[in-house]
PDB file of N, CA and C in Angstrom:
ATOM      1  N   PHE A   1      18.055 -20.529  -9.977  1.00  0.00           N
ATOM      2  CA  PHE A   1      18.234 -19.762  -8.749  1.00  0.00           C
ATOM      3  C   PHE A   1      18.019 -20.647  -7.517  1.00  0.00           C
ATOM      4  N   ASN A   2      16.975 -21.480  -7.555  1.00  0.00           N
ATOM      5  CA  ASN A   2      16.686 -22.365  -6.419  1.00  0.00           C
ATOM      6  C   ASN A   2      17.812 -23.368  -6.186  1.00  0.00           C
ATOM      7  N   LEU A   3      18.439 -23.848  -7.262  1.00  0.00           N
ATOM      8  CA  LEU A   3      19.559 -24.779  -7.123  1.00  0.00           C
ATOM      9  C   LEU A   3      20.732 -24.098  -6.431  1.00  0.00           C
ATOM     10  N   GLY A   4      21.055 -22.867  -6.860  1.00  0.00           N
ATOM     11  CA  GLY A   4      22.142 -22.116  -6.225  1.00  0.00           C
ATOM     12  C   GLY A   4      21.859 -21.851  -4.763  1.00  0.00           C
ATOM     13  N   GLU A   5      20.603 -21.500  -4.452  1.00  0.00           N
ATOM     14  CA  GLU A   5      20.222 -21.250  -3.058  1.00  0.00           C
ATOM     15  C   GLU A   5      20.315 -22.528  -2.229  1.00  0.00           C
ATOM     16  N   ALA A   6      19.939 -23.654  -2.809  1.00  0.00           N
ATOM     17  CA  ALA A   6      20.021 -24.938  -2.102  1.00  0.00           C
ATOM     18  C   ALA A   6      21.477 -25.273  -1.762  1.00  0.00           C
ATOM     19  N   ILE A   7      22.380 -24.954  -2.680  1.00  0.00           N
ATOM     20  CA  ILE A   7      23.805 -25.199  -2.425  1.00  0.00           C
ATOM     21  C   ILE A   7      24.296 -24.312  -1.286  1.00  0.00           C
ATOM     22  N   PHE A   8      23.896 -23.025  -1.302  1.00  0.00           N
ATOM     23  CA  PHE A   8      24.290 -22.111  -0.222  1.00  0.00           C
ATOM     24  C   PHE A   8      23.807 -22.609   1.134  1.00  0.00           C
ATOM     25  N   HIS A   9      22.623 -23.198   1.167  1.00  0.00           N
ATOM     26  CA  HIS A   9      22.051 -23.655   2.434  1.00  0.00           C
ATOM     27  C   HIS A   9      22.732 -24.914   2.974  1.00  0.00           C
ATOM     28  N   ARG A  10      23.576 -25.554   2.179  1.00  0.00           N
ATOM     29  CA  ARG A  10      24.293 -26.754   2.626  1.00  0.00           C
ATOM     30  C   ARG A  10      25.687 -26.449   3.178  1.00  0.00           C
ATOM     31  N   LEU A  11      26.178 -25.255   2.936  1.00  0.00           N
ATOM     32  CA  LEU A  11      27.513 -24.871   3.399  1.00  0.00           C
ATOM     33  C   LEU A  11      27.375 -24.078   4.701  1.00  0.00           C
ATOM     34  N   PRO A  12      27.898 -24.605   5.811  1.00  0.00           N
ATOM     35  CA  PRO A  12      27.637 -24.008   7.125  1.00  0.00           C
ATOM     36  C   PRO A  12      27.904 -22.514   7.244  1.00  0.00           C
ATOM     37  N   LEU A  13      29.082 -22.031   6.983  1.00  0.00           N
ATOM     38  CA  LEU A  13      29.391 -20.610   7.142  1.00  0.00           C
ATOM     39  C   LEU A  13      28.696 -19.774   6.073  1.00  0.00           C
ATOM     40  N   VAL A  14      28.712 -20.255   4.850  1.00  0.00           N
ATOM     41  CA  VAL A  14      28.057 -19.547   3.749  1.00  0.00           C
ATOM     42  C   VAL A  14      26.560 -19.429   4.024  1.00  0.00           C
ATOM     43  N   LYS A  15      25.954 -20.477   4.546  1.00  0.00           N
ATOM     44  CA  LYS A  15      24.518 -20.468   4.861  1.00  0.00           C
ATOM     45  C   LYS A  15      24.188 -19.342   5.843  1.00  0.00           C
ATOM     46  N   THR A  16      24.993 -19.185   6.865  1.00  0.00           N
ATOM     47  CA  THR A  16      24.752 -18.162   7.878  1.00  0.00           C
ATOM     48  C   THR A  16      24.859 -16.766   7.275  1.00  0.00           C
ATOM     49  N   ILE A  17      25.905 -16.522   6.516  1.00  0.00           N
ATOM     50  CA  ILE A  17      26.119 -15.208   5.912  1.00  0.00           C
ATOM     51  C   ILE A  17      25.056 -14.927   4.851  1.00  0.00           C
ATOM     52  N   TYR A  18      24.797 -15.902   3.987  1.00  0.00           N
ATOM     53  CA  TYR A  18      23.815 -15.737   2.917  1.00  0.00           C
ATOM     54  C   TYR A  18      22.428 -15.440   3.482  1.00  0.00           C
ATOM     55  N   THR A  19      22.014 -16.195   4.480  1.00  0.00           N
ATOM     56  CA  THR A  19      20.696 -16.007   5.072  1.00  0.00           C
ATOM     57  C   THR A  19      20.585 -14.632   5.721  1.00  0.00           C
ATOM     58  N   ALA A  20      21.619 -14.201   6.417  1.00  0.00           N
ATOM     59  CA  ALA A  20      21.598 -12.887   7.065  1.00  0.00           C
ATOM     60  C   ALA A  20      21.505 -11.770   6.037  1.00  0.00           C
ATOM     61  N   ILE A  21      22.281 -11.856   4.960  1.00  0.00           N
ATOM     62  CA  ILE A  21      22.242 -10.832   3.914  1.00  0.00           C
ATOM     63  C   ILE A  21      20.894 -10.844   3.208  1.00  0.00           C
ATOM     64  N   LYS A  22      20.372 -12.024   2.936  1.00  0.00           N
ATOM     65  CA  LYS A  22      19.064 -12.133   2.273  1.00  0.00           C
ATOM     66  C   LYS A  22      17.968 -11.514   3.148  1.00  0.00           C
ATOM     67  N   ASP A  23      17.982 -11.788   4.443  1.00  0.00           N
ATOM     68  CA  ASP A  23      16.990 -11.202   5.356  1.00  0.00           C
ATOM     69  C   ASP A  23      17.126  -9.682   5.416  1.00  0.00           C
ATOM     70  N   PHE A  24      18.361  -9.194   5.464  1.00  0.00           N
ATOM     71  CA  PHE A  24      18.603  -7.751   5.543  1.00  0.00           C
ATOM     72  C   PHE A  24      18.106  -7.051   4.278  1.00  0.00           C
ATOM     73  N   ILE A  25      18.410  -7.614   3.118  1.00  0.00           N
ATOM     74  CA  ILE A  25      17.959  -7.022   1.859  1.00  0.00           C
ATOM     75  C   ILE A  25      16.437  -7.080   1.769  1.00  0.00           C
ATOM     76  N   GLY A  26      15.844  -8.165   2.254  1.00  0.00           N
ATOM     77  CA  GLY A  26      14.386  -8.261   2.288  1.00  0.00           C
ATOM     78  C   GLY A  26      13.778  -7.199   3.177  1.00  0.00           C
ATOM     79  N   TYR A  27      14.437  -6.885   4.269  1.00  0.00           N
ATOM     80  CA  TYR A  27      13.963  -5.841   5.177  1.00  0.00           C
ATOM     81  C   TYR A  27      14.009  -4.472   4.491  1.00  0.00           C
ATOM     82  N   LEU A  28      15.032  -4.253   3.670  1.00  0.00           N
ATOM     83  CA  LEU A  28      15.195  -2.970   2.997  1.00  0.00           C
ATOM     84  C   LEU A  28      14.337  -2.834   1.743  1.00  0.00           C
ATOM     85  N   ASN A  29      13.698  -3.902   1.314  1.00  0.00           N
ATOM     86  CA  ASN A  29      12.889  -3.894   0.105  1.00  0.00           C
ATOM     87  C   ASN A  29      11.700  -2.957   0.274  1.00  0.00           C
ATOM     88  N   PRO A  30      11.618  -1.877  -0.508  1.00  0.00           N
ATOM     89  CA  PRO A  30      10.515  -0.925  -0.350  1.00  0.00           C
ATOM     90  C   PRO A  30       9.161  -1.501  -0.745  1.00  0.00           C
ATOM     91  N   ASP A  31       9.137  -2.574  -1.548  1.00  0.00           N
ATOM     92  CA  ASP A  31       7.869  -3.185  -1.952  1.00  0.00           C
ATOM     93  C   ASP A  31       7.287  -4.067  -0.857  1.00  0.00           C
ATOM     94  N   LYS A  32       8.106  -4.448   0.095  1.00  0.00           N
ATOM     95  CA  LYS A  32       7.658  -5.321   1.174  1.00  0.00           C
ATOM     96  C   LYS A  32       6.898  -4.494   2.214  1.00  0.00           C
ATOM     97  N   ASP A  33       5.703  -4.913   2.531  1.00  0.00           N
ATOM     98  CA  ASP A  33       4.892  -4.207   3.518  1.00  0.00           C
ATOM     99  C   ASP A  33       5.020  -4.934   4.855  1.00  0.00           C
ATOM    100  N   SER A  34       6.175  -4.815   5.476  1.00  0.00           N
ATOM    101  CA  SER A  34       6.433  -5.542   6.712  1.00  0.00           C
ATOM    102  C   SER A  34       5.907  -4.824   7.933  1.00  0.00           C
ATOM    103  N   GLY A  35       5.671  -3.517   7.831  1.00  0.00           N
ATOM    104  CA  GLY A  35       5.237  -2.766   8.989  1.00  0.00           C
ATOM    105  C   GLY A  35       6.373  -2.501   9.953  1.00  0.00           C
ATOM    106  N   MET A  36       7.553  -2.991   9.655  1.00  0.00           N
ATOM    107  CA  MET A  36       8.698  -2.808  10.535  1.00  0.00           C
ATOM    108  C   MET A  36       9.660  -1.768   9.982  1.00  0.00           C
ATOM    109  N   ASN A  37       9.153  -0.825   9.220  1.00  0.00           N
ATOM    110  CA  ASN A  37      10.027   0.193   8.657  1.00  0.00           C
ATOM    111  C   ASN A  37       9.787   1.544   9.321  1.00  0.00           C
ATOM    112  N   LYS A  38       9.581   1.509  10.617  1.00  0.00           N
ATOM    113  CA  LYS A  38       9.363   2.741  11.372  1.00  0.00           C
ATOM    114  C   LYS A  38      10.698   3.445  11.604  1.00  0.00           C
ATOM    115  N   VAL A  39      10.745   4.697  11.207  1.00  0.00           N
ATOM    116  CA  VAL A  39      11.946   5.506  11.396  1.00  0.00           C
ATOM    117  C   VAL A  39      11.823   6.204  12.747  1.00  0.00           C
ATOM    118  N   VAL A  40      12.895   6.139  13.537  1.00  0.00           N
ATOM    119  CA  VAL A  40      12.869   6.744  14.867  1.00  0.00           C
ATOM    120  C   VAL A  40      14.159   7.516  15.133  1.00  0.00           C
ATOM    121  N   MET A  41      14.075   8.445  16.061  1.00  0.00           N
ATOM    122  CA  MET A  41      15.246   9.137  16.587  1.00  0.00           C
ATOM    123  C   MET A  41      15.521   8.511  17.947  1.00  0.00           C
ATOM    124  N   VAL A  42      16.747   8.068  18.147  1.00  0.00           N
ATOM    125  CA  VAL A  42      17.120   7.400  19.392  1.00  0.00           C
ATOM    126  C   VAL A  42      17.882   8.370  20.273  1.00  0.00           C
ATOM    127  N   GLN A  43      17.455   8.483  21.499  1.00  0.00           N
ATOM    128  CA  GLN A  43      18.145   9.295  22.518  1.00  0.00           C
ATOM    129  C   GLN A  43      18.561   8.324  23.617  1.00  0.00           C
ATOM    130  N   LEU A  44      19.840   7.997  23.677  1.00  0.00           N
ATOM    131  CA  LEU A  44      20.321   7.082  24.698  1.00  0.00           C
ATOM    132  C   LEU A  44      20.296   7.780  26.061  1.00  0.00           C
ATOM    133  N   PRO A  45      19.881   7.063  27.083  1.00  0.00           N
ATOM    134  CA  PRO A  45      19.805   7.676  28.420  1.00  0.00           C
ATOM    135  C   PRO A  45      21.151   8.272  28.846  1.00  0.00           C
ATOM    136  N   GLY A  46      21.113   9.507  29.333  1.00  0.00           N
ATOM    137  CA  GLY A  46      22.315  10.169  29.829  1.00  0.00           C
ATOM    138  C   GLY A  46      23.201  10.756  28.750  1.00  0.00           C
ATOM    139  N   GLN A  47      22.774  10.697  27.475  1.00  0.00           N
ATOM    140  CA  GLN A  47      23.583  11.216  26.372  1.00  0.00           C
ATOM    141  C   GLN A  47      22.885  12.394  25.722  1.00  0.00           C
ATOM    142  N   SER A  48      23.666  13.328  25.197  1.00  0.00           N
ATOM    143  CA  SER A  48      23.073  14.489  24.555  1.00  0.00           C
ATOM    144  C   SER A  48      22.942  14.307  23.039  1.00  0.00           C
ATOM    145  N   PHE A  49      23.555  13.273  22.462  1.00  0.00           N
ATOM    146  CA  PHE A  49      23.465  13.066  21.016  1.00  0.00           C
ATOM    147  C   PHE A  49      22.271  12.192  20.665  1.00  0.00           C
ATOM    148  N   GLN A  50      21.887  12.240  19.390  1.00  0.00           N
ATOM    149  CA  GLN A  50      20.770  11.442  18.892  1.00  0.00           C
ATOM    150  C   GLN A  50      21.211  10.688  17.646  1.00  0.00           C
ATOM    151  N   LEU A  51      20.554   9.563  17.394  1.00  0.00           N
ATOM    152  CA  LEU A  51      20.844   8.721  16.244  1.00  0.00           C
ATOM    153  C   LEU A  51      19.548   8.379  15.529  1.00  0.00           C
ATOM    154  N   ILE A  52      19.612   8.265  14.208  1.00  0.00           N
ATOM    155  CA  ILE A  52      18.453   7.796  13.453  1.00  0.00           C
ATOM    156  C   ILE A  52      18.525   6.282  13.409  1.00  0.00           C
ATOM    157  N   GLY A  53      17.399   5.650  13.674  1.00  0.00           N
ATOM    158  CA  GLY A  53      17.332   4.197  13.659  1.00  0.00           C
ATOM    159  C   GLY A  53      16.029   3.710  13.053  1.00  0.00           C
ATOM    160  N   PHE A  54      15.913   2.394  12.953  1.00  0.00           N
ATOM    161  CA  PHE A  54      14.754   1.760  12.349  1.00  0.00           C
ATOM    162  C   PHE A  54      14.259   0.650  13.261  1.00  0.00           C
ATOM    163  N   VAL A  55      13.001   0.726  13.655  1.00  0.00           N
ATOM    164  CA  VAL A  55      12.430  -0.313  14.515  1.00  0.00           C
ATOM    165  C   VAL A  55      12.306  -1.586  13.689  1.00  0.00           C
ATOM    166  N   THR A  56      12.915  -2.655  14.162  1.00  0.00           N
ATOM    167  CA  THR A  56      12.878  -3.923  13.442  1.00  0.00           C
ATOM    168  C   THR A  56      11.996  -4.959  14.124  1.00  0.00           C
ATOM    169  N   ARG A  57      11.725  -4.753  15.408  1.00  0.00           N
ATOM    170  CA  ARG A  57      10.939  -5.743  16.132  1.00  0.00           C
ATOM    171  C   ARG A  57      10.339  -5.103  17.369  1.00  0.00           C
ATOM    172  N   GLU A  58       9.076  -5.496  17.637  1.00  0.00           N
ATOM    173  CA  GLU A  58       8.410  -5.027  18.847  1.00  0.00           C
ATOM    174  C   GLU A  58       7.894  -6.187  19.699  1.00  0.00           C
ATOM    175  N   GLN A  59       7.961  -7.387  19.165  1.00  0.00           N
ATOM    176  CA  GLN A  59       7.566  -8.595  19.888  1.00  0.00           C
ATOM    177  C   GLN A  59       8.779  -9.518  19.977  1.00  0.00           C
ATOM    178  N   PHE A  60       8.965 -10.144  21.133  1.00  0.00           N
ATOM    179  CA  PHE A  60      10.166 -10.945  21.353  1.00  0.00           C
ATOM    180  C   PHE A  60       9.855 -12.371  21.805  1.00  0.00           C
ATOM    181  N   ASP A  61       8.618 -12.799  21.620  1.00  0.00           N
ATOM    182  CA  ASP A  61       8.193 -14.114  22.074  1.00  0.00           C
ATOM    183  C   ASP A  61       8.973 -15.254  21.438  1.00  0.00           C
ATOM    184  N   ASP A  62       9.420 -15.090  20.198  1.00  0.00           N
ATOM    185  CA  ASP A  62      10.096 -16.173  19.489  1.00  0.00           C
ATOM    186  C   ASP A  62      11.620 -16.135  19.629  1.00  0.00           C
ATOM    187  N   LEU A  63      12.144 -15.234  20.438  1.00  0.00           N
ATOM    188  CA  LEU A  63      13.590 -15.153  20.656  1.00  0.00           C
ATOM    189  C   LEU A  63      13.994 -15.997  21.871  1.00  0.00           C
ATOM    190  N   PRO A  64      15.239 -16.464  21.905  1.00  0.00           N
ATOM    191  CA  PRO A  64      15.693 -17.275  23.041  1.00  0.00           C
ATOM    192  C   PRO A  64      16.032 -16.455  24.286  1.00  0.00           C
ATOM    193  N   PHE A  65      15.745 -15.171  24.267  1.00  0.00           N
ATOM    194  CA  PHE A  65      15.984 -14.295  25.414  1.00  0.00           C
ATOM    195  C   PHE A  65      14.893 -13.241  25.450  1.00  0.00           C
ATOM    196  N   THR A  66      14.790 -12.574  26.564  1.00  0.00           N
ATOM    197  CA  THR A  66      13.835 -11.483  26.702  1.00  0.00           C
ATOM    198  C   THR A  66      14.606 -10.222  27.067  1.00  0.00           C
ATOM    199  N   PRO A  67      14.490  -9.164  26.261  1.00  0.00           N
ATOM    200  CA  PRO A  67      15.181  -7.914  26.603  1.00  0.00           C
ATOM    201  C   PRO A  67      14.722  -7.417  27.973  1.00  0.00           C
ATOM    202  N   GLU A  68      15.650  -6.851  28.723  1.00  0.00           N
ATOM    203  CA  GLU A  68      15.355  -6.420  30.082  1.00  0.00           C
ATOM    204  C   GLU A  68      14.744  -5.026  30.164  1.00  0.00           C
ATOM    205  N   SER A  69      14.729  -4.293  29.062  1.00  0.00           N
ATOM    206  CA  SER A  69      14.160  -2.947  29.064  1.00  0.00           C
ATOM    207  C   SER A  69      12.661  -2.996  29.317  1.00  0.00           C
ATOM    208  N   GLU A  70      12.160  -1.920  29.901  1.00  0.00           N
ATOM    209  CA  GLU A  70      10.722  -1.806  30.089  1.00  0.00           C
ATOM    210  C   GLU A  70      10.090  -1.435  28.749  1.00  0.00           C
ATOM    211  N   ASP A  71       9.094  -2.195  28.310  1.00  0.00           N
ATOM    212  CA  ASP A  71       8.421  -1.986  27.022  1.00  0.00           C
ATOM    213  C   ASP A  71       9.467  -1.889  25.906  1.00  0.00           C
ATOM    214  N   PRO A  72      10.227  -2.980  25.647  1.00  0.00           N
ATOM    215  CA  PRO A  72      11.358  -2.915  24.727  1.00  0.00           C
ATOM    216  C   PRO A  72      10.958  -2.885  23.250  1.00  0.00           C
ATOM    217  N   VAL A  73      11.832  -2.300  22.451  1.00  0.00           N
ATOM    218  CA  VAL A  73      11.772  -2.354  20.994  1.00  0.00           C
ATOM    219  C   VAL A  73      13.188  -2.620  20.491  1.00  0.00           C
ATOM    220  N   ALA A  74      13.294  -3.337  19.373  1.00  0.00           N
ATOM    221  CA  ALA A  74      14.588  -3.552  18.732  1.00  0.00           C
ATOM    222  C   ALA A  74      14.765  -2.464  17.686  1.00  0.00           C
ATOM    223  N   VAL A  75      15.886  -1.761  17.749  1.00  0.00           N
ATOM    224  CA  VAL A  75      16.165  -0.669  16.827  1.00  0.00           C
ATOM    225  C   VAL A  75      17.503  -0.935  16.149  1.00  0.00           C
ATOM    226  N   TYR A  76      17.472  -0.917  14.816  1.00  0.00           N
ATOM    227  CA  TYR A  76      18.689  -1.096  14.034  1.00  0.00           C
ATOM    228  C   TYR A  76      19.287   0.278  13.760  1.00  0.00           C
ATOM    229  N   LEU A  77      20.566   0.440  14.087  1.00  0.00           N
ATOM    230  CA  LEU A  77      21.294   1.683  13.848  1.00  0.00           C
ATOM    231  C   LEU A  77      22.367   1.407  12.797  1.00  0.00           C
ATOM    232  N   PRO A  78      22.104   1.749  11.511  1.00  0.00           N
ATOM    233  CA  PRO A  78      23.102   1.483  10.472  1.00  0.00           C
ATOM    234  C   PRO A  78      24.274   2.447  10.561  1.00  0.00           C
ATOM    235  N   MET A  79      25.415   2.017  10.007  1.00  0.00           N
ATOM    236  CA  MET A  79      26.598   2.865   9.953  1.00  0.00           C
ATOM    237  C   MET A  79      26.683   3.530   8.583  1.00  0.00           C
ATOM    238  N   SER A  80      27.226   4.717   8.523  1.00  0.00           N
ATOM    239  CA  SER A  80      27.381   5.431   7.258  1.00  0.00           C
ATOM    240  C   SER A  80      28.332   4.684   6.336  1.00  0.00           C
ATOM    241  N   TYR A  81      27.980   4.641   5.057  1.00  0.00           N
ATOM    242  CA  TYR A  81      28.786   4.047   3.992  1.00  0.00           C
ATOM    243  C   TYR A  81      29.162   2.593   4.229  1.00  0.00           C
ATOM    244  N   MET A  82      28.433   1.882   5.057  1.00  0.00           N
ATOM    245  CA  MET A  82      28.754   0.484   5.314  1.00  0.00           C
ATOM    246  C   MET A  82      27.474  -0.335   5.346  1.00  0.00           C
ATOM    247  N   VAL A  83      27.604  -1.595   5.031  1.00  0.00           N
ATOM    248  CA  VAL A  83      26.486  -2.501   5.243  1.00  0.00           C
ATOM    249  C   VAL A  83      26.773  -3.154   6.589  1.00  0.00           C
ATOM    250  N   GLY A  84      26.335  -2.521   7.591  1.00  0.00           N
ATOM    251  CA  GLY A  84      26.548  -2.988   8.950  1.00  0.00           C
ATOM    252  C   GLY A  84      25.899  -2.018   9.894  1.00  0.00           C
ATOM    253  N   GLY A  85      25.885  -2.371  11.132  1.00  0.00           N
ATOM    254  CA  GLY A  85      25.299  -1.497  12.128  1.00  0.00           C
ATOM    255  C   GLY A  85      25.098  -2.253  13.416  1.00  0.00           C
ATOM    256  N   TYR A  86      24.306  -1.689  14.278  1.00  0.00           N
ATOM    257  CA  TYR A  86      24.055  -2.271  15.587  1.00  0.00           C
ATOM    258  C   TYR A  86      22.553  -2.412  15.802  1.00  0.00           C
ATOM    259  N   THR A  87      22.176  -3.468  16.487  1.00  0.00           N
ATOM    260  CA  THR A  87      20.787  -3.621  16.910  1.00  0.00           C
ATOM    261  C   THR A  87      20.764  -3.441  18.423  1.00  0.00           C
ATOM    262  N   LEU A  88      20.003  -2.466  18.866  1.00  0.00           N
ATOM    263  CA  LEU A  88      19.869  -2.190  20.291  1.00  0.00           C
ATOM    264  C   LEU A  88      18.464  -2.549  20.742  1.00  0.00           C
ATOM    265  N   PHE A  89      18.360  -3.120  21.919  1.00  0.00           N
ATOM    266  CA  PHE A  89      17.068  -3.413  22.530  1.00  0.00           C
ATOM    267  C   PHE A  89      16.847  -2.331  23.572  1.00  0.00           C
ATOM    268  N   LEU A  90      15.996  -1.385  23.217  1.00  0.00           N
ATOM    269  CA  LEU A  90      15.828  -0.163  24.004  1.00  0.00           C
ATOM    270  C   LEU A  90      14.429  -0.067  24.591  1.00  0.00           C
ATOM    271  N   PRO A  91      14.299   0.689  25.672  1.00  0.00           N
ATOM    272  CA  PRO A  91      12.947   0.982  26.149  1.00  0.00           C
ATOM    273  C   PRO A  91      12.264   1.900  25.138  1.00  0.00           C
ATOM    274  N   ARG A  92      10.990   1.697  24.934  1.00  0.00           N
ATOM    275  CA  ARG A  92      10.235   2.512  23.976  1.00  0.00           C
ATOM    276  C   ARG A  92      10.365   4.007  24.271  1.00  0.00           C
ATOM    277  N   SER A  93      10.591   4.353  25.536  1.00  0.00           N
ATOM    278  CA  SER A  93      10.730   5.759  25.913  1.00  0.00           C
ATOM    279  C   SER A  93      11.996   6.406  25.343  1.00  0.00           C
ATOM    280  N   ALA A  94      12.953   5.593  24.864  1.00  0.00           N
ATOM    281  CA  ALA A  94      14.201   6.129  24.313  1.00  0.00           C
ATOM    282  C   ALA A  94      14.098   6.443  22.821  1.00  0.00           C
ATOM    283  N   VAL A  95      12.945   6.135  22.205  1.00  0.00           N
ATOM    284  CA  VAL A  95      12.795   6.385  20.772  1.00  0.00           C
ATOM    285  C   VAL A  95      11.631   7.335  20.508  1.00  0.00           C
ATOM    286  N   THR A  96      11.824   8.191  19.512  1.00  0.00           N
ATOM    287  CA  THR A  96      10.790   9.128  19.087  1.00  0.00           C
ATOM    288  C   THR A  96      10.530   8.879  17.608  1.00  0.00           C
ATOM    289  N   PRO A  97       9.298   8.547  17.232  1.00  0.00           N
ATOM    290  CA  PRO A  97       8.994   8.322  15.805  1.00  0.00           C
ATOM    291  C   PRO A  97       9.242   9.575  14.978  1.00  0.00           C
ATOM    292  N   LEU A  98       9.787   9.376  13.778  1.00  0.00           N
ATOM    293  CA  LEU A  98      10.008  10.474  12.833  1.00  0.00           C
ATOM    294  C   LEU A  98       9.054  10.292  11.653  1.00  0.00           C
ATOM    295  N   ASP A  99       8.536  11.377  11.160  1.00  0.00           N
ATOM    296  CA  ASP A  99       7.596  11.326  10.049  1.00  0.00           C
ATOM    297  C   ASP A  99       8.329  11.578   8.734  1.00  0.00           C
ATOM    298  N   ILE A 100       9.246  10.657   8.395  1.00  0.00           N
ATOM    299  CA  ILE A 100       9.932  10.717   7.103  1.00  0.00           C
ATOM    300  C   ILE A 100       9.928   9.319   6.515  1.00  0.00           C
ATOM    301  N   PRO A 101       9.937   9.211   5.188  1.00  0.00           N
ATOM    302  CA  PRO A 101       9.930   7.886   4.557  1.00  0.00           C
ATOM    303  C   PRO A 101      11.191   7.095   4.888  1.00  0.00           C
ATOM    304  N   PHE A 102      11.046   5.791   4.932  1.00  0.00           N
ATOM    305  CA  PHE A 102      12.145   4.879   5.219  1.00  0.00           C
ATOM    306  C   PHE A 102      13.332   5.128   4.281  1.00  0.00           C
ATOM    307  N   GLU A 103      13.065   5.237   2.985  1.00  0.00           N
ATOM    308  CA  GLU A 103      14.142   5.407   2.003  1.00  0.00           C
ATOM    309  C   GLU A 103      14.919   6.702   2.240  1.00  0.00           C
ATOM    310  N   GLN A 104      14.211   7.776   2.548  1.00  0.00           N
ATOM    311  CA  GLN A 104      14.866   9.057   2.805  1.00  0.00           C
ATOM    312  C   GLN A 104      15.748   8.975   4.052  1.00  0.00           C
ATOM    313  N   ALA A 105      15.234   8.349   5.101  1.00  0.00           N
ATOM    314  CA  ALA A 105      16.011   8.210   6.334  1.00  0.00           C
ATOM    315  C   ALA A 105      17.245   7.338   6.112  1.00  0.00           C
ATOM    316  N   MET A 106      17.087   6.236   5.374  1.00  0.00           N
ATOM    317  CA  MET A 106      18.227   5.354   5.118  1.00  0.00           C
ATOM    318  C   MET A 106      19.279   6.079   4.281  1.00  0.00           C
ATOM    319  N   ARG A 107      18.852   6.832   3.294  1.00  0.00           N
ATOM    320  CA  ARG A 107      19.793   7.606   2.463  1.00  0.00           C
ATOM    321  C   ARG A 107      20.542   8.616   3.328  1.00  0.00           C
ATOM    322  N   LEU A 108      19.829   9.267   4.209  1.00  0.00           N
ATOM    323  CA  LEU A 108      20.432  10.256   5.101  1.00  0.00           C
ATOM    324  C   LEU A 108      21.511   9.621   5.979  1.00  0.00           C
ATOM    325  N   VAL A 109      21.204   8.463   6.542  1.00  0.00           N
ATOM    326  CA  VAL A 109      22.151   7.784   7.428  1.00  0.00           C
ATOM    327  C   VAL A 109      23.341   7.236   6.650  1.00  0.00           C
ATOM    328  N   LEU A 110      23.082   6.539   5.550  1.00  0.00           N
ATOM    329  CA  LEU A 110      24.162   5.875   4.818  1.00  0.00           C
ATOM    330  C   LEU A 110      25.128   6.840   4.153  1.00  0.00           C
ATOM    331  N   THR A 111      24.676   8.056   3.874  1.00  0.00           N
ATOM    332  CA  THR A 111      25.576   9.027   3.256  1.00  0.00           C
ATOM    333  C   THR A 111      26.138  10.014   4.267  1.00  0.00           C
ATOM    334  N   GLY A 112      25.877   9.797   5.540  1.00  0.00           N
ATOM    335  CA  GLY A 112      26.384  10.710   6.558  1.00  0.00           C
ATOM    336  C   GLY A 112      25.722  12.071   6.489  1.00  0.00           C
ATOM    337  N   ALA A 113      24.502  12.112   5.989  1.00  0.00           N
ATOM    338  CA  ALA A 113      23.696  13.340   5.874  1.00  0.00           C
ATOM    339  C   ALA A 113      24.309  14.368   4.928  1.00  0.00           C
ATOM    340  N   VAL A 114      25.121  13.919   3.951  1.00  0.00           N
ATOM    341  CA  VAL A 114      25.711  14.858   2.995  1.00  0.00           C
ATOM    342  C   VAL A 114      24.870  14.998   1.732  1.00  0.00           C
ATOM    343  N   THR A 115      23.843  14.174   1.548  1.00  0.00           N
ATOM    344  CA  THR A 115      23.012  14.277   0.355  1.00  0.00           C
ATOM    345  C   THR A 115      22.076  15.462   0.462  1.00  0.00           C
ATOM    346  N   GLU A 116      21.792  16.042  -0.678  1.00  0.00           N
ATOM    347  CA  GLU A 116      20.828  17.135  -0.718  1.00  0.00           C
ATOM    348  C   GLU A 116      19.441  16.537  -0.875  1.00  0.00           C
ATOM    349  N   GLN A 117      18.483  17.102  -0.204  1.00  0.00           N
ATOM    350  CA  GLN A 117      17.113  16.626  -0.302  1.00  0.00           C
ATOM    351  C   GLN A 117      16.466  17.226  -1.543  1.00  0.00           C
ATOM    352  N   VAL A 118      15.870  16.391  -2.381  1.00  0.00           N
ATOM    353  CA  VAL A 118      15.205  16.846  -3.594  1.00  0.00           C
ATOM    354  C   VAL A 118      13.743  16.419  -3.563  1.00  0.00           C
ATOM    355  N   GLU A 119      13.128  16.540  -2.409  1.00  0.00           N
ATOM    356  CA  GLU A 119      11.753  16.113  -2.183  1.00  0.00           C
ATOM    357  C   GLU A 119      10.748  16.751  -3.131  1.00  0.00           C
ATOM    358  N   ASN A 120      10.823  18.073  -3.299  1.00  0.00           N
ATOM    359  CA  ASN A 120       9.775  18.788  -3.997  1.00  0.00           C
ATOM    360  C   ASN A 120       9.959  18.888  -5.497  1.00  0.00           C
ATOM    361  N   ASN A 121      11.061  18.371  -6.021  1.00  0.00           N
ATOM    362  CA  ASN A 121      11.300  18.462  -7.455  1.00  0.00           C
ATOM    363  C   ASN A 121      11.614  17.083  -8.008  1.00  0.00           C
ATOM    364  N   PRO A 122      10.604  16.349  -8.485  1.00  0.00           N
ATOM    365  CA  PRO A 122      10.840  14.993  -8.980  1.00  0.00           C
ATOM    366  C   PRO A 122      11.640  14.965 -10.272  1.00  0.00           C
ATOM    367  N   ASP A 123      11.804  16.114 -10.976  1.00  0.00           N
ATOM    368  CA  ASP A 123      12.555  16.133 -12.226  1.00  0.00           C
ATOM    369  C   ASP A 123      14.059  16.106 -12.001  1.00  0.00           C
ATOM    370  N   ILE A 124      14.515  16.484 -10.808  1.00  0.00           N
ATOM    371  CA  ILE A 124      15.952  16.489 -10.526  1.00  0.00           C
ATOM    372  C   ILE A 124      16.435  15.054 -10.433  1.00  0.00           C
ATOM    373  N   GLY A 125      17.501  14.757 -11.108  1.00  0.00           N
ATOM    374  CA  GLY A 125      18.100  13.427 -11.061  1.00  0.00           C
ATOM    375  C   GLY A 125      17.597  12.504 -12.152  1.00  0.00           C
ATOM    376  N   ASP A 126      16.647  12.927 -12.993  1.00  0.00           N
ATOM    377  CA  ASP A 126      16.154  12.080 -14.083  1.00  0.00           C
ATOM    378  C   ASP A 126      17.047  12.179 -15.292  1.00  0.00           C
TER     379      ASP A 126
END
């Protein structure tokens, strides 16, 4: 595995894509205790709609830019049925924490909210 990874890291375009996918999958890993799996509801200023998002960053000291928002947070907004989405740098006032597990929120977003919730019955789906 390390040999294959070393080869990927030597190919310029492949290295960029591979590293990004590896980081994204690491972020989604439920065993990882990153503390960055906060589920939030995003209300964009002046808009009546809301989006479910995931806080990915609250400190920006190591970035080559500083977000201009007051008290900024980075929020990832995934797209339904796709491995993709948008990262917005929003003022903390634009996000409201949700008290639902990361996996449940991601399932809700990725399926376009068409999945049925089976929270209270662990025998369903076995």
